[in-house]
Amino acid sequence: MLTRYRCRIIILCGAILNYNELNVFMRHIPIDTKIVNQVIDLYGIKDFDKATIREVVAISGQLERETNTEFIHAEMGVPGLEPVKIGIDAEIKALQSGIVAVYPDINGIPELKREASRFIKAFINVDVAPEGCIPVTGSMQGTYASFLTCGQCDPQKDTILFIDPGFPVQKQQIIVMGYKSVSFDVYDYRGEKLKSKLEQYLANGNIAAITYSNPNNPAWFCLTDKELQIIGEIADRYDTIVIEDLAYFAMDFRKDLGKPFKPPYQPSVANFTDKYILHISASKAFSYAGQRIGIAAISDKLYHRTYAGLAQRYGGGAFGSVYIHRVLYALSAGTGHSAQFALAAMFKAASDGSLDFVETIKEYGRRAAKLKNIFTKYGFQIVYDRDLDEPVADGFYFTIAYPGMTGGQLMEQLIYYGISAISLKTTGSCQEGIRISTSFVKPHQFQLLDERLKLFKANHHV
């Protein structure tokens, strides 16, 4: 009896193979197909378009162990560069001082709040008071707290609007909260088209917050100042909060965004509205993901704004106080004490100009260029290939498709070749394809990827 996978191969190749031909064909698949099918069945994955990042990581990891075959991990955005030593040294010093025995101030240590405010001024050129710069255990906790708080401000506004594609886990956060959400794929609504599309949603009066990432995860296009102005102005018109995810801070490598207090600056909606929350993470910019440290920067006006919904629920308190002393406090008794000293030191060095963090992370752009060349050589296509009137930048992510396959089908087929990625459907995209993370692909794997994709094309000719 033929396996599920063997039947698929026959269809994809557009040819009918007899059993002996099929056995020869199958011997050229890098991973034992029987083991792959068993592991996929073990995890109960029926549709790879719906598989989460963590499920894909678990499947690829188990297959790597059971088959002793090296996988090319392109599914998870794990930083692949050395962490910034300035942060490590500051954290070691803090640990040796004995601060781990003490709960950190839920508001954040003064050094971090001060340096976060300065960093924002240095690289975005906007002013956020230190009191509004709040440490969080990575941007994921920050976005969770932001969604939760924004959704409680006004009983009439119970929905989060996602400008997609975006980070899949943020959708999961909304599901966990029991909140409502709506979304649209912005690729067909760039420039002036964005205005009418946003009006379509906000005119309903139920949008509590608008959120997006810039640069975009997974497509890597970058919203322009004009588009950010549109978002800010429409958000103001409908009294809606903007949540801007800057996880890939200053990573539009087409511009020199790494010089403190000098233009060009990291584009931000903060230039066009006064009700925003910026999420800035140490994970990618400083390769400090393991310590789960970042900041949520709440604009001065929003920090001190009072809302009837918050007053009814908590008995009073402005937005910033509720965010910190109610919501964050319910999630954790503060953010890692020593990690706050690390981030403060890295922010300071970057703002001083003694740490050129952007020059270091440009490596991701170089990797993306190499990987794109390999994929396109073997018939793959870049899905989000344009950023308005220019090619999309090379950076931490890019998106690919293969003729005749859905994103879920391609994602599953690549597993048999020791390549793991995630489907664009999980990001809210309307396009068929998968996201490729450049960060964890090791230098020696470029040749390995070339060999495996050459075989993939031979087995999936169209």
Protein backbone atom coordinates (compact mmCIF):
# COMPACT_ATOMS: atom_id res chain seq x y z
CA MET A 1 0.00 0.00 0.00
CA LEU A 2 1.38 3.39 -0.97
CA THR A 3 1.91 5.96 1.75
CA ARG A 4 0.09 9.27 1.82
CA TYR A 5 3.27 11.05 0.69
CA ARG A 6 3.94 8.69 -2.22
CA CYS A 7 0.49 9.37 -3.59
CA ARG A 8 1.14 13.09 -3.44
CA ILE A 9 4.43 12.75 -5.31
CA ILE A 10 2.71 11.01 -8.20
CA ILE A 11 0.19 13.82 -8.53
CA LEU A 12 2.75 16.60 -8.18
CA CYS A 13 5.02 15.15 -10.80
CA GLY A 14 2.14 14.87 -13.22
CA ALA A 15 3.14 11.30 -14.09
CA ILE A 16 1.92 7.80 -13.27
CA LEU A 17 4.75 5.66 -11.88
CA ASN A 18 4.67 1.92 -11.42
CA TYR A 19 5.69 0.51 -8.04
CA ASN A 20 9.31 -0.27 -9.01
CA GLU A 21 9.80 3.18 -10.52
CA LEU A 22 8.30 4.71 -7.41
CA ASN A 23 10.71 2.85 -5.10
CA VAL A 24 13.69 4.18 -7.08
CA PHE A 25 12.16 7.64 -6.96
CA MET A 26 11.63 7.51 -3.21
CA ARG A 27 15.23 6.54 -2.49
CA HIS A 28 16.23 10.01 -3.61
CA ILE A 29 14.25 11.73 -0.85
CA PRO A 30 16.71 12.89 1.87
CA ILE A 31 14.50 11.98 4.85
CA ASP A 32 12.96 8.55 5.41
CA THR A 33 9.37 9.10 4.29
CA LYS A 34 7.94 6.47 6.62
CA ILE A 35 9.42 8.21 9.67
CA VAL A 36 8.25 11.61 8.43
CA ASN A 37 4.69 10.35 8.03
CA GLN A 38 4.76 8.76 11.48
CA VAL A 39 5.97 11.95 13.16
CA ILE A 40 3.45 14.14 11.31
CA ASP A 41 0.66 11.77 12.35
CA LEU A 42 1.96 11.83 15.94
CA TYR A 43 1.44 15.59 16.09
CA GLY A 44 -1.96 15.32 14.45
CA ILE A 45 -1.20 17.86 11.75
CA LYS A 46 -3.92 17.59 9.12
CA ASP A 47 -3.37 20.93 7.42
CA PHE A 48 0.09 22.51 7.42
CA ASP A 49 -1.45 25.88 6.60
CA LYS A 50 -2.60 25.88 10.23
CA ALA A 51 0.54 24.50 11.88
CA THR A 52 2.11 26.83 14.44
CA ILE A 53 5.79 27.76 14.53
CA ARG A 54 6.32 25.71 17.68
CA GLU A 55 4.68 22.64 16.13
CA VAL A 56 6.96 22.89 13.09
CA VAL A 57 10.00 23.30 15.35
CA ALA A 58 8.96 20.23 17.34
CA ILE A 59 8.40 18.11 14.21
CA SER A 60 11.67 19.11 12.54
CA GLY A 61 13.58 18.65 15.79
CA GLN A 62 12.20 15.16 16.35
CA LEU A 63 12.93 14.15 12.74
CA GLU A 64 16.46 15.48 13.07
CA ARG A 65 17.03 13.29 16.11
CA GLU A 66 15.32 10.16 14.80
CA THR A 67 16.88 10.19 11.33
CA ASN A 68 20.24 11.75 12.29
CA THR A 69 19.77 14.10 9.34
CA GLU A 70 20.69 17.76 9.54
CA PHE A 71 17.73 20.10 9.02
CA ILE A 72 17.86 23.58 7.56
CA HIS A 73 15.77 25.48 10.09
CA ALA A 74 14.04 28.42 8.43
CA GLU A 75 10.88 28.30 10.50
CA MET A 76 11.70 30.29 13.61
CA GLY A 77 13.20 33.75 13.89
CA VAL A 78 16.02 32.76 16.23
CA PRO A 79 18.93 35.23 16.16
CA GLY A 80 21.95 33.63 14.55
CA LEU A 81 24.62 36.13 15.55
CA GLU A 82 26.74 36.55 18.66
CA PRO A 83 25.03 38.53 21.44
CA VAL A 84 26.32 42.03 22.12
CA LYS A 85 29.16 41.69 24.65
CA ILE A 86 28.38 45.04 26.25
CA GLY A 87 25.09 43.60 27.41
CA ILE A 88 26.66 40.40 28.71
CA ASP A 89 29.30 42.30 30.68
CA ALA A 90 26.70 44.62 32.22
CA GLU A 91 24.51 41.68 33.16
CA ILE A 92 27.38 39.75 34.75
CA LYS A 93 28.26 42.80 36.80
CA ALA A 94 24.64 43.14 37.89
CA LEU A 95 24.43 39.46 38.81
CA GLN A 96 27.60 39.67 40.86
CA SER A 97 26.17 42.62 42.79
CA GLY A 98 23.49 40.36 44.23
CA ILE A 99 20.46 42.03 42.65
CA VAL A 100 18.99 38.64 41.70
CA ALA A 101 17.80 38.30 45.29
CA VAL A 102 15.59 41.37 44.90
CA TYR A 103 12.38 41.79 42.92
CA PRO A 104 12.86 44.49 40.27
CA ASP A 105 10.69 47.58 40.39
CA ILE A 106 7.64 46.80 38.22
CA ASN A 107 8.17 50.21 36.55
CA GLY A 108 11.72 49.26 35.52
CA ILE A 109 15.11 50.29 36.79
CA PRO A 110 15.87 54.02 36.36
CA GLU A 111 18.92 53.36 34.16
CA LEU A 112 16.90 51.41 31.59
CA LYS A 113 14.01 53.87 31.52
CA ARG A 114 16.39 56.77 31.00
CA GLU A 115 18.45 55.04 28.29
CA ALA A 116 15.36 53.69 26.50
CA SER A 117 13.99 57.23 26.24
CA ARG A 118 17.34 58.44 24.91
CA PHE A 119 17.61 55.55 22.41
CA ILE A 120 14.18 56.40 21.00
CA LYS A 121 15.24 60.01 20.57
CA ALA A 122 18.55 58.96 18.98
CA PHE A 123 17.14 56.54 16.40
CA ILE A 124 13.49 57.57 15.88
CA ASN A 125 13.82 61.27 16.74
CA VAL A 126 10.72 61.39 18.92
CA ASP A 127 10.38 62.17 22.62
CA VAL A 128 8.97 59.59 25.02
CA ALA A 129 9.40 60.37 28.71
CA PRO A 130 11.36 57.79 30.75
CA GLU A 131 8.25 57.04 32.83
CA GLY A 132 6.56 55.66 29.71
CA CYS A 133 9.45 53.32 28.83
CA ILE A 134 8.54 50.08 30.56
CA PRO A 135 10.62 46.88 30.55
CA VAL A 136 8.80 43.74 29.39
CA THR A 137 9.89 40.14 29.06
CA GLY A 138 10.30 40.49 25.33
CA SER A 139 7.94 42.18 22.91
CA MET A 140 5.57 39.23 23.15
CA GLN A 141 4.69 40.13 26.72
CA GLY A 142 4.54 43.76 25.67
CA THR A 143 2.04 43.13 22.89
CA TYR A 144 -0.06 40.89 25.14
CA ALA A 145 -0.28 43.62 27.77
CA SER A 146 -0.95 46.24 25.08
CA PHE A 147 -3.78 44.30 23.45
CA LEU A 148 -5.31 43.54 26.82
CA THR A 149 -5.21 47.14 28.06
CA CYS A 150 -6.35 48.73 24.80
CA GLY A 151 -9.32 46.39 24.62
CA GLN A 152 -10.53 47.53 28.05
CA CYS A 153 -10.50 51.30 27.45
CA ASP A 154 -13.90 51.64 25.77
CA PRO A 155 -16.67 48.99 25.95
CA GLN A 156 -17.72 49.94 22.42
CA LYS A 157 -14.25 49.19 21.06
CA ASP A 158 -13.68 45.48 21.46
CA THR A 159 -11.68 44.58 18.33
CA ILE A 160 -7.99 44.68 17.36
CA LEU A 161 -7.20 45.48 13.71
CA PHE A 162 -4.16 43.70 12.28
CA ILE A 163 -2.47 45.19 9.24
CA ASP A 164 -1.26 41.88 7.86
CA PRO A 165 0.76 39.84 7.20
CA GLY A 166 2.11 39.72 10.71
CA PHE A 167 3.59 37.70 13.55
CA PRO A 168 1.32 34.61 13.96
CA VAL A 169 1.65 34.42 17.75
CA GLN A 170 -0.03 37.80 18.16
CA LYS A 171 -3.19 36.27 16.70
CA GLN A 172 -2.83 33.47 19.23
CA GLN A 173 -2.62 36.06 21.99
CA ILE A 174 -5.97 37.48 20.89
CA ILE A 175 -7.50 34.00 20.92
CA VAL A 176 -6.16 33.35 24.43
CA MET A 177 -7.70 36.64 25.66
CA GLY A 178 -11.02 35.90 24.01
CA TYR A 179 -10.83 39.21 22.15
CA LYS A 180 -12.11 39.94 18.67
CA SER A 181 -9.85 40.78 15.74
CA VAL A 182 -10.08 41.69 12.08
CA SER A 183 -7.32 41.93 9.50
CA PHE A 184 -6.45 42.61 5.90
CA ASP A 185 -3.42 41.85 3.73
CA VAL A 186 -1.88 45.27 3.14
CA TYR A 187 0.08 44.23 0.05
CA ASP A 188 -2.72 45.35 -2.28
CA TYR A 189 -3.41 48.51 -0.26
CA ARG A 190 -0.07 50.28 -0.17
CA GLY A 191 0.27 54.04 -0.51
CA GLU A 192 -2.92 56.08 -0.80
CA LYS A 193 -5.01 52.90 -1.06
CA LEU A 194 -4.31 52.32 2.64
CA LYS A 195 -6.47 55.30 3.61
CA SER A 196 -9.78 53.99 2.29
CA LYS A 197 -9.05 50.49 3.55
CA LEU A 198 -8.45 51.71 7.10
CA GLU A 199 -11.54 53.92 6.92
CA GLN A 200 -13.57 50.86 5.98
CA TYR A 201 -12.71 49.23 9.31
CA LEU A 202 -12.47 52.17 11.70
CA ALA A 203 -15.74 53.74 10.57
CA ASN A 204 -17.54 50.86 12.34
CA GLY A 205 -16.47 52.37 15.66
CA ASN A 206 -15.33 49.09 17.24
CA ILE A 207 -11.56 49.20 16.69
CA ALA A 208 -9.64 49.55 19.96
CA ALA A 209 -6.17 49.40 18.42
CA ILE A 210 -4.33 49.04 15.12
CA THR A 211 -1.18 46.91 15.03
CA TYR A 212 1.51 46.03 12.49
CA SER A 213 5.24 45.34 12.27
CA ASN A 214 7.74 47.57 10.45
CA PRO A 215 9.86 46.14 8.82
CA ASN A 216 7.18 43.61 8.17
CA ASN A 217 7.31 40.07 9.50
CA PRO A 218 7.15 38.00 7.24
CA ALA A 219 7.11 39.97 3.98
CA TRP A 220 9.89 42.42 4.90
CA PHE A 221 8.39 45.39 3.10
CA CYS A 222 8.62 48.67 5.03
CA LEU A 223 5.75 51.10 5.52
CA THR A 224 6.75 54.59 4.42
CA ASP A 225 6.38 57.87 6.28
CA LYS A 226 3.38 58.66 4.08
CA GLU A 227 1.69 55.39 4.99
CA LEU A 228 2.51 55.85 8.67
CA GLN A 229 1.03 59.34 8.46
CA ILE A 230 -2.17 57.85 7.05
CA ILE A 231 -2.32 55.35 9.93
CA GLY A 232 -1.68 58.06 12.51
CA GLU A 233 -4.21 60.53 11.13
CA ILE A 234 -7.00 57.98 10.79
CA ALA A 235 -6.25 56.59 14.25
CA ASP A 236 -6.59 60.11 15.66
CA ARG A 237 -9.83 60.69 13.78
CA TYR A 238 -11.41 57.62 15.39
CA ASP A 239 -9.61 57.88 18.74
CA THR A 240 -7.81 54.58 18.21
CA ILE A 241 -4.47 53.52 19.73
CA VAL A 242 -1.64 52.39 17.45
CA ILE A 243 0.58 49.50 18.54
CA GLU A 244 3.79 49.50 16.49
CA ASP A 245 5.97 46.39 16.59
CA LEU A 246 9.60 47.39 15.99
CA ALA A 247 11.08 43.96 16.65
CA TYR A 248 13.34 44.38 13.59
CA PHE A 249 14.49 47.82 14.54
CA ALA A 250 16.50 49.72 11.88
CA MET A 251 16.72 46.61 9.67
CA ASP A 252 15.74 48.28 6.41
CA PHE A 253 19.29 47.99 5.15
CA ARG A 254 18.56 50.10 2.07
CA LYS A 255 18.94 53.11 4.40
CA ASP A 256 21.66 54.01 6.86
CA LEU A 257 19.56 53.96 10.05
CA GLY A 258 22.42 53.25 12.43
CA LYS A 259 23.74 56.73 13.21
CA PRO A 260 22.41 58.13 16.50
CA PHE A 261 20.81 61.59 16.44
CA LYS A 262 21.29 61.83 12.67
CA PRO A 263 18.80 61.25 9.84
CA PRO A 264 17.58 59.05 8.34
CA TYR A 265 15.69 57.70 11.34
CA GLN A 266 13.70 54.52 11.87
CA PRO A 267 10.26 55.36 10.42
CA SER A 268 7.53 55.38 13.07
CA VAL A 269 3.89 56.29 13.52
CA ALA A 270 5.08 58.21 16.59
CA ASN A 271 5.75 61.13 14.23
CA PHE A 272 2.08 61.31 13.24
CA THR A 273 -0.03 60.53 16.32
CA ASP A 274 0.26 61.03 20.06
CA LYS A 275 -1.55 57.84 21.12
CA TYR A 276 0.84 54.96 20.46
CA ILE A 277 2.80 52.12 22.03
CA LEU A 278 6.16 51.19 20.51
CA HIS A 279 7.63 47.76 21.16
CA ILE A 280 11.42 47.61 20.93
CA SER A 281 13.10 44.29 21.59
CA ALA A 282 16.68 43.28 22.36
CA SER A 283 16.14 39.92 20.68
CA LYS A 284 17.03 40.77 17.08
CA ALA A 285 18.79 44.14 17.21
CA PHE A 286 21.22 43.02 19.91
CA SER A 287 20.95 39.20 19.48
CA TYR A 288 19.81 39.01 23.11
CA ALA A 289 16.72 36.85 22.65
CA GLY A 290 17.42 34.36 25.42
CA GLN A 291 17.06 36.88 28.22
CA ARG A 292 13.57 37.95 27.10
CA ILE A 293 14.01 41.67 27.45
CA GLY A 294 12.48 44.61 25.62
CA ILE A 295 10.54 47.77 26.28
CA ALA A 296 7.03 49.03 25.66
CA ALA A 297 7.22 52.79 25.07
CA ILE A 298 3.89 54.49 25.75
CA SER A 299 3.50 58.00 24.37
CA ASP A 300 3.27 60.77 26.95
CA LYS A 301 -0.33 61.66 26.09
CA LEU A 302 -1.56 58.06 26.14
CA TYR A 303 0.33 57.32 29.36
CA HIS A 304 -1.66 59.99 31.21
CA ARG A 305 -4.97 59.49 29.38
CA THR A 306 -7.91 58.26 31.45
CA TYR A 307 -10.58 56.00 29.97
CA ALA A 308 -14.06 55.26 31.28
CA GLY A 309 -13.62 51.54 30.68
CA LEU A 310 -10.42 51.39 32.74
CA ALA A 311 -11.98 53.44 35.55
CA GLN A 312 -15.00 51.14 35.67
CA ARG A 313 -12.88 47.99 35.74
CA TYR A 314 -10.08 49.13 38.07
CA GLY A 315 -11.64 51.97 40.01
CA GLY A 316 -9.45 54.63 38.41
CA GLY A 317 -5.99 55.13 37.01
CA ALA A 318 -4.57 56.50 33.79
CA PHE A 319 -3.60 54.21 30.89
CA GLY A 320 0.10 54.00 31.83
CA SER A 321 -0.57 53.17 35.45
CA VAL A 322 -3.12 50.50 34.55
CA TYR A 323 -0.74 49.03 31.98
CA ILE A 324 2.08 48.71 34.53
CA HIS A 325 0.47 48.27 37.94
CA ARG A 326 -2.56 46.22 36.93
CA VAL A 327 -1.93 44.34 33.71
CA LEU A 328 1.85 43.78 33.72
CA TYR A 329 1.82 43.09 37.45
CA ALA A 330 -0.79 40.37 36.88
CA LEU A 331 1.46 38.77 34.26
CA SER A 332 4.78 38.88 36.12
CA ALA A 333 6.33 40.47 39.20
CA GLY A 334 8.62 42.50 36.99
CA THR A 335 11.07 41.82 34.18
CA GLY A 336 14.37 40.01 34.79
CA HIS A 337 16.46 42.29 36.98
CA SER A 338 19.89 41.63 35.51
CA ALA A 339 18.58 41.69 31.93
CA GLN A 340 17.39 45.25 32.47
CA PHE A 341 20.96 46.33 33.21
CA ALA A 342 22.10 44.57 30.02
CA LEU A 343 19.57 46.38 27.84
CA ALA A 344 20.32 49.72 29.50
CA ALA A 345 24.02 49.29 28.68
CA MET A 346 23.31 48.33 25.05
CA PHE A 347 20.92 51.24 24.55
CA LYS A 348 23.50 53.62 26.04
CA ALA A 349 26.34 52.34 23.86
CA ALA A 350 24.19 52.59 20.73
CA SER A 351 23.08 56.14 21.58
CA ASP A 352 26.66 57.13 22.42
CA GLY A 353 27.77 55.88 19.02
CA SER A 354 30.22 53.37 20.46
CA LEU A 355 28.08 50.38 19.38
CA ASP A 356 27.10 50.16 15.70
CA PHE A 357 24.47 47.47 16.13
CA VAL A 358 23.04 48.00 12.65
CA GLU A 359 26.33 47.21 10.92
CA THR A 360 26.44 43.89 12.79
CA ILE A 361 22.92 42.77 11.91
CA LYS A 362 23.39 43.58 8.21
CA GLU A 363 24.60 39.98 8.02
CA TYR A 364 20.94 38.94 7.80
CA GLY A 365 20.58 40.95 4.59
CA ARG A 366 23.61 39.23 3.08
CA ARG A 367 22.19 35.81 3.99
CA ALA A 368 18.82 36.70 2.49
CA ALA A 369 20.42 37.62 -0.83
CA LYS A 370 22.25 34.27 -1.01
CA LEU A 371 19.19 32.26 0.00
CA LYS A 372 16.92 34.02 -2.49
CA ASN A 373 19.36 33.22 -5.29
CA ILE A 374 19.34 29.53 -4.40
CA PHE A 375 15.56 29.26 -4.16
CA THR A 376 14.85 31.16 -7.37
CA LYS A 377 17.48 29.13 -9.23
CA TYR A 378 15.32 26.05 -8.67
CA GLY A 379 11.97 27.47 -9.71
CA PHE A 380 10.76 29.12 -6.52
CA GLN A 381 9.23 32.59 -6.69
CA ILE A 382 9.42 35.47 -4.23
CA VAL A 383 5.85 36.14 -3.06
CA TYR A 384 6.10 39.64 -1.60
CA ASP A 385 8.67 40.82 -4.10
CA ARG A 386 7.98 44.58 -4.29
CA ASP A 387 8.03 47.39 -1.76
CA LEU A 388 5.92 49.93 -3.63
CA ASP A 389 8.14 51.00 -6.55
CA GLU A 390 11.30 49.11 -5.58
CA PRO A 391 12.32 45.51 -4.85
CA VAL A 392 11.69 44.37 -1.30
CA ALA A 393 14.75 44.67 0.93
CA ASP A 394 16.96 41.76 1.95
CA GLY A 395 16.68 41.11 5.65
CA PHE A 396 15.60 38.78 8.41
CA TYR A 397 12.74 37.16 6.44
CA PHE A 398 11.52 36.66 2.92
CA THR A 399 8.64 34.76 1.33
CA ILE A 400 8.60 32.11 -1.39
CA ALA A 401 6.14 29.99 -3.36
CA TYR A 402 6.39 27.06 -5.75
CA PRO A 403 4.16 26.69 -8.83
CA GLY A 404 1.15 24.45 -8.33
CA MET A 405 1.41 24.18 -4.55
CA THR A 406 -0.37 25.86 -1.70
CA GLY A 407 1.74 27.17 1.15
CA GLY A 408 0.73 24.25 3.34
CA GLN A 409 1.61 21.70 0.66
CA LEU A 410 4.98 23.28 0.02
CA MET A 411 5.73 23.48 3.72
CA GLU A 412 4.97 19.79 4.18
CA GLN A 413 6.87 18.68 1.07
CA LEU A 414 10.02 20.53 2.13
CA ILE A 415 10.08 18.64 5.42
CA TYR A 416 10.92 15.48 3.44
CA TYR A 417 13.97 17.38 2.18
CA GLY A 418 15.10 18.46 5.63
CA ILE A 419 13.89 22.06 5.26
CA SER A 420 11.40 23.55 7.73
CA ALA A 421 9.45 26.79 7.38
CA ILE A 422 5.98 28.18 8.14
CA SER A 423 2.99 28.84 5.91
CA LEU A 424 2.04 32.41 5.07
CA LYS A 425 -1.57 31.61 5.99
CA THR A 426 -0.63 31.66 9.68
CA THR A 427 0.58 35.25 9.26
CA GLY A 428 -2.76 36.52 7.97
CA SER A 429 -1.51 36.64 4.39
CA CYS A 430 -3.88 36.09 1.48
CA GLN A 431 -0.99 34.79 -0.65
CA GLU A 432 0.10 31.18 -1.12
CA GLY A 433 3.63 30.46 0.05
CA ILE A 434 5.91 30.12 3.05
CA ARG A 435 8.11 32.34 5.20
CA ILE A 436 11.85 31.77 5.24
CA SER A 437 13.86 33.01 8.21
CA THR A 438 17.46 33.77 7.31
CA SER A 439 18.73 33.98 10.85
CA PHE A 440 19.44 30.37 11.78
CA VAL A 441 20.76 29.14 8.42
CA LYS A 442 24.41 28.31 9.01
CA PRO A 443 27.15 29.16 6.46
CA HIS A 444 27.82 25.55 5.51
CA GLN A 445 24.13 25.00 4.82
CA PHE A 446 24.00 27.13 1.69
CA GLN A 447 25.57 24.30 -0.30
CA LEU A 448 23.34 21.76 1.46
CA LEU A 449 20.25 23.80 0.58
CA ASP A 450 21.37 24.01 -3.04
CA GLU A 451 21.72 20.23 -3.24
CA ARG A 452 18.36 19.56 -1.63
CA LEU A 453 16.46 22.09 -3.73
CA LYS A 454 18.05 20.69 -6.88
CA LEU A 455 16.64 17.32 -5.91
CA PHE A 456 13.32 18.89 -4.97
CA LYS A 457 13.00 20.46 -8.41
CA ALA A 458 13.86 17.17 -10.11
CA ASN A 459 11.12 15.41 -8.15
CA HIS A 460 8.55 18.19 -8.54
CA HIS A 461 9.00 19.37 -12.10
CA VAL A 462 6.11 21.42 -13.41
